[in-house]
Amino acid sequence: MIPDSSIVSPCSPVDRAKRVYDSFPDRGFFAEKSWRVSPEAFPLSKKEVKRLERLGPLFLKFQQAADLIYRRSRKGSLPSWISEYLDRGKPKSLLDLGTAPSLVEALPRVIRPDLILTESGFTICELDSVPGGIGLTAWLSEVYADIDKQSEIVGGSDGMLTGFTSIFPQGEADILVSEEAADYRPEMEWLSGRLAGDWRVKEAESYSPSDRDVYRFFELFDLANLSGGLAVGEAASEGKIDLTSPFKPWLEEKMWLALFRSRPLQEVWRRELRDGNWRRLREIFPMSWVIDPSEVPHHAVIPELGIQSFSEMKQFSQTERDLVLKLSGFNERAWGSRSVTIGSDVSQLGWAEAVDEALQSFENAPFVLQRFHSGRLVKHPWFNPETGNIEELEGRVRLCPYYFVSAQDQSVKLGGALATICPSDKKMLHGMSDAILAPCRLDS
């Protein structure tokens, strides 16, 4: 049971955890989801925080380069296979909306990478431009800044709120949430109530565009079920409203990490990013491949795997299977770890079945393969409501920093960072009931 805060020391870890519980909104943040509560924010070194701050502008440059590479491929000044990869499974009508002249320079204004905290620094799993957790991280930053005024919360107590407000020229918009994303509606409603200006959460299915800007909180694969969402895309393509994230489904593909590692595109990336930025991204982007069943010439092998066909991976031993398979995007299973298979975490038969699915899925829903990087072990306290005691969890950390791109001057701000600390026996690091969720702070 959670103790009465009146009978514990006001500065004790138990009391701080109790105050976090007391601060929970009545509706919570996610439908039927819970997590372990810690009495303190997760510490990051000064070097790690500085590095996080520098990554935001770098990710924006990466998205700018990716968008340019895609458009050049469509126009024929770069190889057509690039856009053909990225267009697979997507309706032409959606691609036409995304390539409207008014959207040439449009990019997502919320950028959230999933970073694994490793022994050597950070490794990125993916970049998300329609992320959940914005309201949750804003609330956690507020609460932990209040319960421990000596701590310096990354982004500050209100960095998530001011950052989100900055992504629209007028500082307000309608937030469209689909039924498919309804689990996140409570956090978006909490967020809208805390933002300065006139923010309204609306249902994407029945929405009728007006003169108000729109924040999109629905996936583009679901667009066929959202007449309101389609109308929003059309209004944005005609320049009538400001919309983020824009209807550019190619930017939401995980395969960009593989395209970044593609040898034929190396000089293109170096030119568009500049050499220093390209090198910095190589430090955190894991080796990745697009699972393409096309035949490889008899004298060639797939880079770093030493095989001529991805089907040969089915025979890899467990030690050779430090690899991750997952859908690239534009699919209902491409988010929330639904399609993820970690090779060393399944049987040989399970891995072979995952490889077969990836190969068969290529024409309409490509998969990507990534090197698996294990997170470093950390220890962090949490409050056990069953015993009333503070306990210590040994785990691995996924960091989710939230970057906001100002609509006024395109500056990038780190609004806050969410740490998900999962038990050490878990290889897949994501939100779960036995994980700790906490904001990050500067380690003193």
Protein backbone atom coordinates (compact mmCIF):
# COMPACT_ATOMS: atom_id res chain seq x y z
CA MET A 1 0.00 0.00 0.00
CA ILE A 2 1.09 3.61 -0.61
CA PRO A 3 1.77 5.27 2.76
CA ASP A 4 0.13 8.43 4.02
CA SER A 5 2.59 11.26 3.27
CA SER A 6 1.75 12.86 6.64
CA ILE A 7 3.62 10.14 8.55
CA VAL A 8 6.88 10.17 6.57
CA SER A 9 9.68 12.69 6.34
CA PRO A 10 8.83 15.39 3.78
CA CYS A 11 12.22 14.90 2.11
CA SER A 12 12.37 11.11 2.20
CA PRO A 13 12.45 9.04 -1.01
CA VAL A 14 9.18 7.39 0.04
CA ASP A 15 7.50 10.79 0.36
CA ARG A 16 8.80 11.93 -3.00
CA ALA A 17 7.38 8.80 -4.63
CA LYS A 18 4.07 9.38 -2.82
CA ARG A 19 3.92 12.92 -4.17
CA VAL A 20 4.39 11.59 -7.70
CA TYR A 21 1.45 9.23 -7.18
CA ASP A 22 -0.65 12.07 -5.71
CA SER A 23 0.04 14.21 -8.77
CA PHE A 24 -1.36 11.72 -11.29
CA PRO A 25 -4.25 13.19 -13.31
CA ASP A 26 -7.58 11.47 -12.73
CA ARG A 27 -7.65 10.09 -16.28
CA GLY A 28 -4.00 9.05 -16.27
CA PHE A 29 -1.95 9.24 -19.44
CA PHE A 30 -2.30 5.95 -21.29
CA ALA A 31 -5.28 3.64 -21.36
CA GLU A 32 -4.77 0.69 -19.01
CA LYS A 33 -0.99 1.16 -18.74
CA SER A 34 1.13 1.53 -15.63
CA TRP A 35 4.79 1.74 -14.70
CA ARG A 36 7.09 1.77 -11.69
CA VAL A 37 7.49 5.14 -9.99
CA SER A 38 10.90 6.36 -8.86
CA PRO A 39 11.56 8.93 -6.13
CA GLU A 40 14.11 10.66 -8.37
CA ALA A 41 14.78 11.63 -11.96
CA PHE A 42 17.29 9.61 -13.97
CA PRO A 43 20.80 11.13 -13.86
CA LEU A 44 22.81 11.95 -16.98
CA SER A 45 26.32 13.32 -16.96
CA LYS A 46 27.04 16.85 -18.15
CA LYS A 47 28.73 15.37 -21.22
CA GLU A 48 25.67 13.22 -22.01
CA VAL A 49 23.28 16.17 -21.67
CA LYS A 50 25.48 18.34 -23.90
CA ARG A 51 25.52 15.58 -26.46
CA LEU A 52 21.73 15.29 -26.36
CA GLU A 53 21.41 19.03 -26.92
CA ARG A 54 23.67 18.86 -29.98
CA LEU A 55 21.79 15.92 -31.49
CA GLY A 56 18.59 17.91 -32.13
CA PRO A 57 19.97 20.18 -34.89
CA LEU A 58 21.83 17.17 -36.31
CA PHE A 59 18.64 15.13 -36.63
CA LEU A 60 16.93 18.06 -38.34
CA LYS A 61 19.77 18.21 -40.88
CA PHE A 62 19.40 14.47 -41.40
CA GLN A 63 15.68 14.80 -42.11
CA GLN A 64 16.32 17.68 -44.50
CA ALA A 65 18.89 15.59 -46.36
CA ALA A 66 16.62 12.53 -46.42
CA ASP A 67 13.72 14.54 -47.85
CA LEU A 68 15.99 16.04 -50.51
CA ILE A 69 17.41 12.62 -51.47
CA TYR A 70 13.91 11.22 -51.84
CA ARG A 71 12.71 14.11 -54.01
CA ARG A 72 15.82 13.95 -56.18
CA SER A 73 15.27 10.22 -56.66
CA ARG A 74 11.68 10.83 -57.79
CA LYS A 75 12.86 13.46 -60.26
CA GLY A 76 15.63 11.26 -61.64
CA SER A 77 18.77 13.08 -60.49
CA LEU A 78 19.49 10.22 -58.06
CA PRO A 79 18.86 6.47 -58.64
CA SER A 80 15.17 5.54 -58.80
CA TRP A 81 15.60 2.55 -56.46
CA ILE A 82 15.73 4.95 -53.50
CA SER A 83 12.21 6.32 -53.92
CA GLU A 84 10.97 2.90 -55.11
CA TYR A 85 12.05 1.43 -51.77
CA LEU A 86 10.38 4.23 -49.82
CA ASP A 87 7.15 4.22 -51.87
CA ARG A 88 6.41 0.51 -51.49
CA GLY A 89 2.92 -0.20 -50.21
CA LYS A 90 1.81 3.43 -50.25
CA PRO A 91 -1.14 4.73 -52.30
CA LYS A 92 -0.30 7.17 -55.08
CA SER A 93 -2.86 9.64 -53.77
CA LEU A 94 -0.94 9.96 -50.48
CA LEU A 95 2.39 10.37 -52.26
CA ASP A 96 0.86 13.07 -54.48
CA LEU A 97 -0.34 14.98 -51.40
CA GLY A 98 3.10 14.82 -49.84
CA THR A 99 4.86 16.09 -52.96
CA ALA A 100 2.61 19.14 -53.44
CA PRO A 101 4.62 22.32 -54.23
CA SER A 102 3.47 24.00 -51.01
CA LEU A 103 5.06 21.20 -48.94
CA VAL A 104 8.51 21.12 -50.56
CA GLU A 105 10.23 22.45 -47.44
CA ALA A 106 7.81 20.99 -44.87
CA LEU A 107 9.41 18.76 -42.25
CA PRO A 108 8.26 17.32 -38.90
CA ARG A 109 8.59 19.87 -36.08
CA VAL A 110 8.65 17.27 -33.33
CA ILE A 111 11.59 14.85 -33.49
CA ARG A 112 12.01 12.03 -31.00
CA PRO A 113 14.75 9.46 -31.37
CA ASP A 114 14.78 6.21 -29.44
CA LEU A 115 18.30 6.01 -28.01
CA ILE A 116 19.88 3.10 -26.17
CA LEU A 117 22.28 4.19 -23.43
CA THR A 118 25.38 2.06 -24.07
CA GLU A 119 28.84 1.77 -22.52
CA SER A 120 30.22 4.06 -25.23
CA GLY A 121 27.38 6.59 -25.43
CA PHE A 122 24.16 6.40 -27.46
CA THR A 123 22.89 4.12 -30.23
CA ILE A 124 19.74 5.07 -32.08
CA CYS A 125 16.97 2.58 -32.86
CA GLU A 126 14.73 4.91 -34.87
CA LEU A 127 13.54 8.49 -35.35
CA ASP A 128 9.87 9.13 -34.61
CA SER A 129 8.12 12.22 -35.95
CA VAL A 130 4.67 11.36 -34.53
CA PRO A 131 5.73 10.29 -31.03
CA GLY A 132 3.72 9.45 -27.98
CA GLY A 133 4.83 10.51 -24.54
CA ILE A 134 4.83 14.29 -25.05
CA GLY A 135 2.20 14.93 -22.38
CA LEU A 136 3.67 12.32 -20.06
CA THR A 137 7.18 13.76 -20.29
CA ALA A 138 5.85 17.29 -19.77
CA TRP A 139 4.02 16.15 -16.63
CA LEU A 140 7.00 14.19 -15.28
CA SER A 141 9.29 17.18 -15.83
CA GLU A 142 6.91 19.42 -13.87
CA VAL A 143 6.40 16.97 -11.01
CA TYR A 144 10.02 15.98 -10.49
CA ALA A 145 11.20 19.60 -10.70
CA ASP A 146 8.73 20.35 -7.90
CA ILE A 147 9.51 17.40 -5.60
CA ASP A 148 13.28 17.86 -5.85
CA LYS A 149 14.09 21.53 -6.36
CA GLN A 150 17.83 20.78 -6.13
CA SER A 151 17.73 18.75 -9.36
CA GLU A 152 18.20 20.29 -12.80
CA ILE A 153 15.63 18.59 -15.03
CA VAL A 154 16.77 18.26 -18.66
CA GLY A 155 14.79 20.85 -20.63
CA GLY A 156 13.54 22.51 -17.44
CA SER A 157 10.20 22.12 -15.69
CA ASP A 158 8.26 23.64 -18.61
CA GLY A 159 10.54 22.89 -21.56
CA MET A 160 8.12 20.40 -23.10
CA LEU A 161 5.23 22.89 -22.92
CA THR A 162 7.10 25.87 -24.36
CA GLY A 163 8.73 23.67 -26.98
CA PHE A 164 5.43 22.22 -28.18
CA THR A 165 3.82 25.67 -28.31
CA SER A 166 6.65 26.91 -30.55
CA ILE A 167 5.98 24.47 -33.39
CA PHE A 168 3.09 26.56 -34.79
CA PRO A 169 3.33 30.19 -35.95
CA GLN A 170 0.28 31.24 -33.90
CA GLY A 171 1.22 29.15 -30.86
CA GLU A 172 -2.01 27.13 -31.01
CA ALA A 173 -3.66 24.41 -33.10
CA ASP A 174 -6.12 21.54 -33.16
CA ILE A 175 -4.63 18.20 -32.08
CA LEU A 176 -6.12 15.39 -34.15
CA VAL A 177 -6.13 11.98 -32.45
CA SER A 178 -7.39 8.90 -34.28
CA GLU A 179 -9.25 5.99 -32.73
CA GLU A 180 -6.25 3.80 -33.57
CA ALA A 181 -4.13 6.09 -31.34
CA ALA A 182 -6.85 6.51 -28.69
CA ASP A 183 -4.65 5.08 -25.91
CA TYR A 184 -2.74 8.36 -26.06
CA ARG A 185 -5.76 10.65 -26.00
CA PRO A 186 -5.62 11.24 -22.21
CA GLU A 187 -2.06 12.55 -22.37
CA MET A 188 -2.88 14.82 -25.32
CA GLU A 189 -5.92 16.18 -23.48
CA TRP A 190 -3.79 16.86 -20.40
CA LEU A 191 -1.21 18.57 -22.63
CA SER A 192 -3.77 20.77 -24.37
CA GLY A 193 -5.06 21.94 -21.01
CA ARG A 194 -1.59 23.02 -19.90
CA LEU A 195 -0.52 24.87 -23.06
CA ALA A 196 -0.80 28.62 -23.46
CA GLY A 197 -3.20 29.57 -26.25
CA ASP A 198 -6.23 27.84 -27.71
CA TRP A 199 -5.45 24.13 -28.15
CA ARG A 200 -8.21 21.58 -28.78
CA VAL A 201 -8.10 17.79 -29.02
CA LYS A 202 -10.31 16.57 -31.87
CA GLU A 203 -11.28 13.24 -33.39
CA ALA A 204 -9.43 12.64 -36.65
CA GLU A 205 -12.26 10.53 -38.10
CA SER A 206 -14.84 13.32 -38.25
CA TYR A 207 -12.69 16.45 -38.38
CA SER A 208 -13.53 19.23 -40.83
CA PRO A 209 -10.65 21.62 -41.56
CA SER A 210 -11.16 25.31 -40.87
CA ASP A 211 -8.56 28.06 -40.72
CA ARG A 212 -6.87 26.49 -37.67
CA ASP A 213 -3.50 24.78 -37.88
CA VAL A 214 -3.33 21.06 -37.09
CA TYR A 215 -1.02 18.80 -35.13
CA ARG A 216 -1.29 15.28 -36.52
CA PHE A 217 -1.41 12.48 -33.96
CA PHE A 218 -2.37 9.62 -36.24
CA GLU A 219 -0.45 7.30 -38.50
CA LEU A 220 -0.62 7.71 -42.27
CA PHE A 221 -1.26 4.00 -42.86
CA ASP A 222 -4.63 4.59 -41.14
CA LEU A 223 -5.62 7.40 -43.52
CA ALA A 224 -8.14 5.30 -45.46
CA ASN A 225 -10.23 5.16 -42.27
CA LEU A 226 -9.98 8.89 -41.55
CA SER A 227 -12.04 11.09 -43.82
CA GLY A 228 -11.20 14.01 -41.56
CA GLY A 229 -7.50 13.24 -41.78
CA LEU A 230 -7.59 13.12 -45.57
CA ALA A 231 -9.32 16.50 -45.68
CA VAL A 232 -6.57 17.94 -43.48
CA GLY A 233 -3.89 16.63 -45.84
CA GLU A 234 -5.64 18.20 -48.80
CA ALA A 235 -5.98 21.54 -47.02
CA ALA A 236 -2.27 21.50 -46.15
CA SER A 237 -1.25 20.57 -49.69
CA GLU A 238 -3.22 23.59 -50.94
CA GLY A 239 -1.45 25.85 -48.46
CA LYS A 240 -4.62 26.67 -46.50
CA ILE A 241 -3.37 25.47 -43.11
CA ASP A 242 -0.12 24.60 -41.38
CA LEU A 243 0.17 20.88 -40.59
CA THR A 244 2.79 18.92 -38.74
CA SER A 245 3.91 16.27 -39.16
CA PRO A 246 3.40 16.78 -42.90
CA PHE A 247 1.97 14.06 -45.10
CA LYS A 248 5.40 12.77 -46.14
CA PRO A 249 5.22 9.03 -45.44
CA TRP A 250 8.71 8.41 -46.83
CA LEU A 251 10.19 10.34 -43.89
CA GLU A 252 8.58 7.93 -41.42
CA GLU A 253 10.41 4.85 -42.70
CA LYS A 254 12.96 3.17 -40.45
CA MET A 255 14.87 2.15 -43.57
CA TRP A 256 16.53 5.59 -43.62
CA LEU A 257 19.09 4.18 -41.18
CA ALA A 258 19.91 1.53 -43.79
CA LEU A 259 19.96 4.06 -46.63
CA PHE A 260 22.36 6.16 -44.58
CA ARG A 261 24.68 3.15 -44.44
CA SER A 262 24.26 2.34 -48.15
CA ARG A 263 27.63 2.43 -49.91
CA PRO A 264 26.27 3.88 -53.20
CA LEU A 265 24.80 6.84 -51.27
CA GLN A 266 27.79 7.55 -49.04
CA GLU A 267 29.10 10.55 -50.99
CA VAL A 268 25.58 11.96 -51.37
CA TRP A 269 25.09 11.91 -47.60
CA ARG A 270 28.53 13.40 -46.97
CA ARG A 271 27.84 16.23 -49.38
CA GLU A 272 24.34 17.03 -48.07
CA LEU A 273 25.19 16.70 -44.37
CA ARG A 274 28.79 17.93 -44.49
CA ASP A 275 31.53 15.59 -43.43
CA GLY A 276 31.56 16.37 -39.70
CA ASN A 277 27.80 15.81 -39.32
CA TRP A 278 28.01 12.62 -41.37
CA ARG A 279 30.72 11.27 -39.07
CA ARG A 280 28.74 12.15 -35.94
CA LEU A 281 25.71 10.28 -37.24
CA ARG A 282 27.80 7.23 -38.09
CA GLU A 283 28.80 7.07 -34.43
CA ILE A 284 25.19 6.54 -33.30
CA PHE A 285 23.48 4.94 -36.32
CA PRO A 286 23.80 1.14 -36.12
CA MET A 287 24.67 -0.89 -39.19
CA SER A 288 21.35 -1.54 -40.96
CA TRP A 289 20.06 -3.23 -44.09
CA VAL A 290 16.82 -3.25 -46.11
CA ILE A 291 15.61 -6.85 -46.41
CA ASP A 292 15.56 -7.06 -50.19
CA PRO A 293 15.19 -10.58 -51.67
CA SER A 294 16.77 -9.50 -54.98
CA GLU A 295 19.57 -11.75 -56.22
CA VAL A 296 23.12 -10.69 -55.41
CA PRO A 297 25.80 -11.19 -58.13
CA HIS A 298 27.81 -14.40 -57.69
CA HIS A 299 30.99 -12.47 -56.85
CA ALA A 300 29.37 -10.23 -54.20
CA VAL A 301 28.15 -10.54 -50.62
CA ILE A 302 25.81 -8.47 -48.44
CA PRO A 303 28.03 -5.99 -46.55
CA GLU A 304 29.22 -7.11 -43.10
CA LEU A 305 27.01 -10.23 -43.14
CA GLY A 306 29.14 -12.26 -45.54
CA ILE A 307 26.13 -13.90 -47.22
CA GLN A 308 24.66 -13.71 -50.70
CA SER A 309 21.02 -13.91 -49.69
CA PHE A 310 19.17 -12.77 -46.57
CA SER A 311 17.58 -16.23 -46.47
CA GLU A 312 20.98 -17.56 -45.38
CA MET A 313 20.45 -15.73 -42.08
CA LYS A 314 18.04 -18.47 -41.08
CA GLN A 315 21.04 -20.71 -40.39
CA PHE A 316 22.83 -18.19 -38.17
CA SER A 317 23.81 -19.47 -34.74
CA GLN A 318 22.56 -17.67 -31.66
CA THR A 319 25.85 -15.78 -31.29
CA GLU A 320 25.53 -14.64 -34.92
CA ARG A 321 21.97 -13.45 -34.33
CA ASP A 322 22.75 -10.20 -32.48
CA LEU A 323 20.38 -8.67 -35.00
CA VAL A 324 16.97 -7.02 -34.95
CA LEU A 325 14.24 -7.41 -37.58
CA LYS A 326 11.35 -4.95 -37.80
CA LEU A 327 8.93 -3.42 -40.26
CA SER A 328 10.18 -0.21 -41.80
CA GLY A 329 6.91 1.73 -41.65
CA PHE A 330 3.44 2.42 -43.10
CA ASN A 331 1.89 -0.58 -41.40
CA GLU A 332 -0.23 -1.08 -38.30
CA ARG A 333 2.49 -3.34 -36.86
CA ALA A 334 5.34 -0.92 -37.53
CA TRP A 335 5.04 0.98 -34.25
CA GLY A 336 5.06 0.00 -30.58
CA SER A 337 7.54 -2.88 -31.08
CA ARG A 338 4.78 -5.01 -32.59
CA SER A 339 6.90 -6.36 -35.45
CA VAL A 340 10.27 -6.49 -33.66
CA THR A 341 12.21 -9.75 -33.46
CA ILE A 342 15.56 -9.85 -31.67
CA GLY A 343 17.48 -12.76 -33.18
CA SER A 344 19.39 -13.80 -30.07
CA ASP A 345 16.17 -13.73 -28.02
CA VAL A 346 14.26 -16.35 -30.05
CA SER A 347 14.79 -19.94 -31.11
CA GLN A 348 16.36 -20.80 -34.47
CA LEU A 349 12.89 -21.75 -35.73
CA GLY A 350 11.42 -18.46 -34.53
CA TRP A 351 14.23 -16.53 -36.21
CA ALA A 352 13.81 -18.46 -39.47
CA GLU A 353 10.08 -17.68 -39.47
CA ALA A 354 10.80 -13.98 -38.90
CA VAL A 355 13.32 -13.94 -41.78
CA ASP A 356 10.83 -15.64 -44.09
CA GLU A 357 8.14 -13.11 -43.18
CA ALA A 358 10.52 -10.24 -43.89
CA LEU A 359 11.48 -11.63 -47.29
CA GLN A 360 7.87 -12.28 -48.29
CA SER A 361 6.77 -8.84 -47.13
CA PHE A 362 9.21 -6.85 -49.26
CA GLU A 363 6.87 -5.86 -52.10
CA ASN A 364 4.29 -4.11 -49.90
CA ALA A 365 5.84 -3.68 -46.43
CA PRO A 366 9.65 -3.85 -46.34
CA PHE A 367 11.53 -4.91 -43.23
CA VAL A 368 14.84 -3.59 -41.98
CA LEU A 369 17.63 -5.43 -40.20
CA GLN A 370 19.84 -3.74 -37.59
CA ARG A 371 22.78 -4.70 -35.45
CA PHE A 372 21.64 -5.22 -31.86
CA HIS A 373 23.45 -3.04 -29.31
CA SER A 374 22.96 -3.98 -25.67
CA GLY A 375 22.42 -1.15 -23.22
CA ARG A 376 24.75 -0.61 -20.31
CA LEU A 377 23.60 -1.76 -16.88
CA VAL A 378 22.42 0.89 -14.44
CA LYS A 379 20.81 0.85 -11.01
CA HIS A 380 17.90 3.12 -10.15
CA PRO A 381 15.52 3.32 -7.15
CA TRP A 382 11.79 2.71 -7.35
CA PHE A 383 8.95 2.62 -4.86
CA ASN A 384 7.29 -0.76 -4.30
CA PRO A 385 3.67 -0.02 -3.29
CA GLU A 386 3.20 -3.60 -2.04
CA THR A 387 5.92 -3.32 0.60
CA GLY A 388 5.99 0.46 1.07
CA ASN A 389 9.76 0.40 0.58
CA ILE A 390 12.24 1.87 -1.86
CA GLU A 391 13.94 -0.86 -3.88
CA GLU A 392 16.65 -0.83 -6.52
CA LEU A 393 16.19 -1.97 -10.10
CA GLU A 394 19.13 -3.11 -12.20
CA GLY A 395 18.23 -2.40 -15.77
CA ARG A 396 19.00 -0.96 -19.17
CA VAL A 397 17.83 2.42 -20.41
CA ARG A 398 16.02 3.72 -23.46
CA LEU A 399 16.27 7.50 -23.69
CA CYS A 400 13.65 9.51 -25.58
CA PRO A 401 14.68 13.15 -25.94
CA TYR A 402 12.03 15.42 -27.45
CA TYR A 403 13.18 18.09 -29.89
CA PHE A 404 10.92 20.92 -31.05
CA VAL A 405 11.56 22.89 -34.23
CA SER A 406 10.37 26.49 -33.97
CA ALA A 407 7.96 27.57 -36.69
CA GLN A 408 9.39 31.08 -36.46
CA ASP A 409 13.11 30.57 -37.00
CA GLN A 410 13.67 26.79 -37.42
CA SER A 411 15.75 26.66 -34.23
CA VAL A 412 15.73 23.31 -32.44
CA LYS A 413 15.11 23.02 -28.70
CA LEU A 414 15.49 20.02 -26.43
CA GLY A 415 12.26 20.19 -24.44
CA GLY A 416 12.86 17.23 -22.16
CA ALA A 417 13.99 13.62 -22.05
CA LEU A 418 12.18 10.50 -20.87
CA ALA A 419 14.13 7.55 -19.46
CA THR A 420 12.58 4.08 -19.62
CA ILE A 421 14.55 1.78 -17.33
CA CYS A 422 13.73 -1.84 -18.08
CA PRO A 423 14.76 -4.90 -16.04
CA SER A 424 18.16 -6.23 -17.12
CA ASP A 425 16.72 -9.52 -18.38
CA LYS A 426 14.66 -7.68 -21.02
CA LYS A 427 16.30 -7.19 -24.42
CA MET A 428 13.45 -5.15 -25.91
CA LEU A 429 13.47 -1.78 -24.15
CA HIS A 430 10.05 -0.13 -24.16
CA GLY A 431 7.31 0.95 -21.78
CA MET A 432 6.09 -1.94 -19.61
CA SER A 433 4.54 -2.36 -16.19
CA ASP A 434 7.83 -3.45 -14.60
CA ALA A 435 9.85 -0.61 -16.11
CA ILE A 436 10.59 2.72 -14.42
CA LEU A 437 9.57 5.87 -16.29
CA ALA A 438 11.25 9.07 -15.19
CA PRO A 439 12.46 12.36 -16.62
CA CYS A 440 16.19 12.93 -16.97
CA ARG A 441 18.23 15.30 -14.82
CA LEU A 442 21.76 16.63 -14.84
CA ASP A 443 23.87 14.52 -12.50
CA SER A 444 25.34 16.67 -9.76
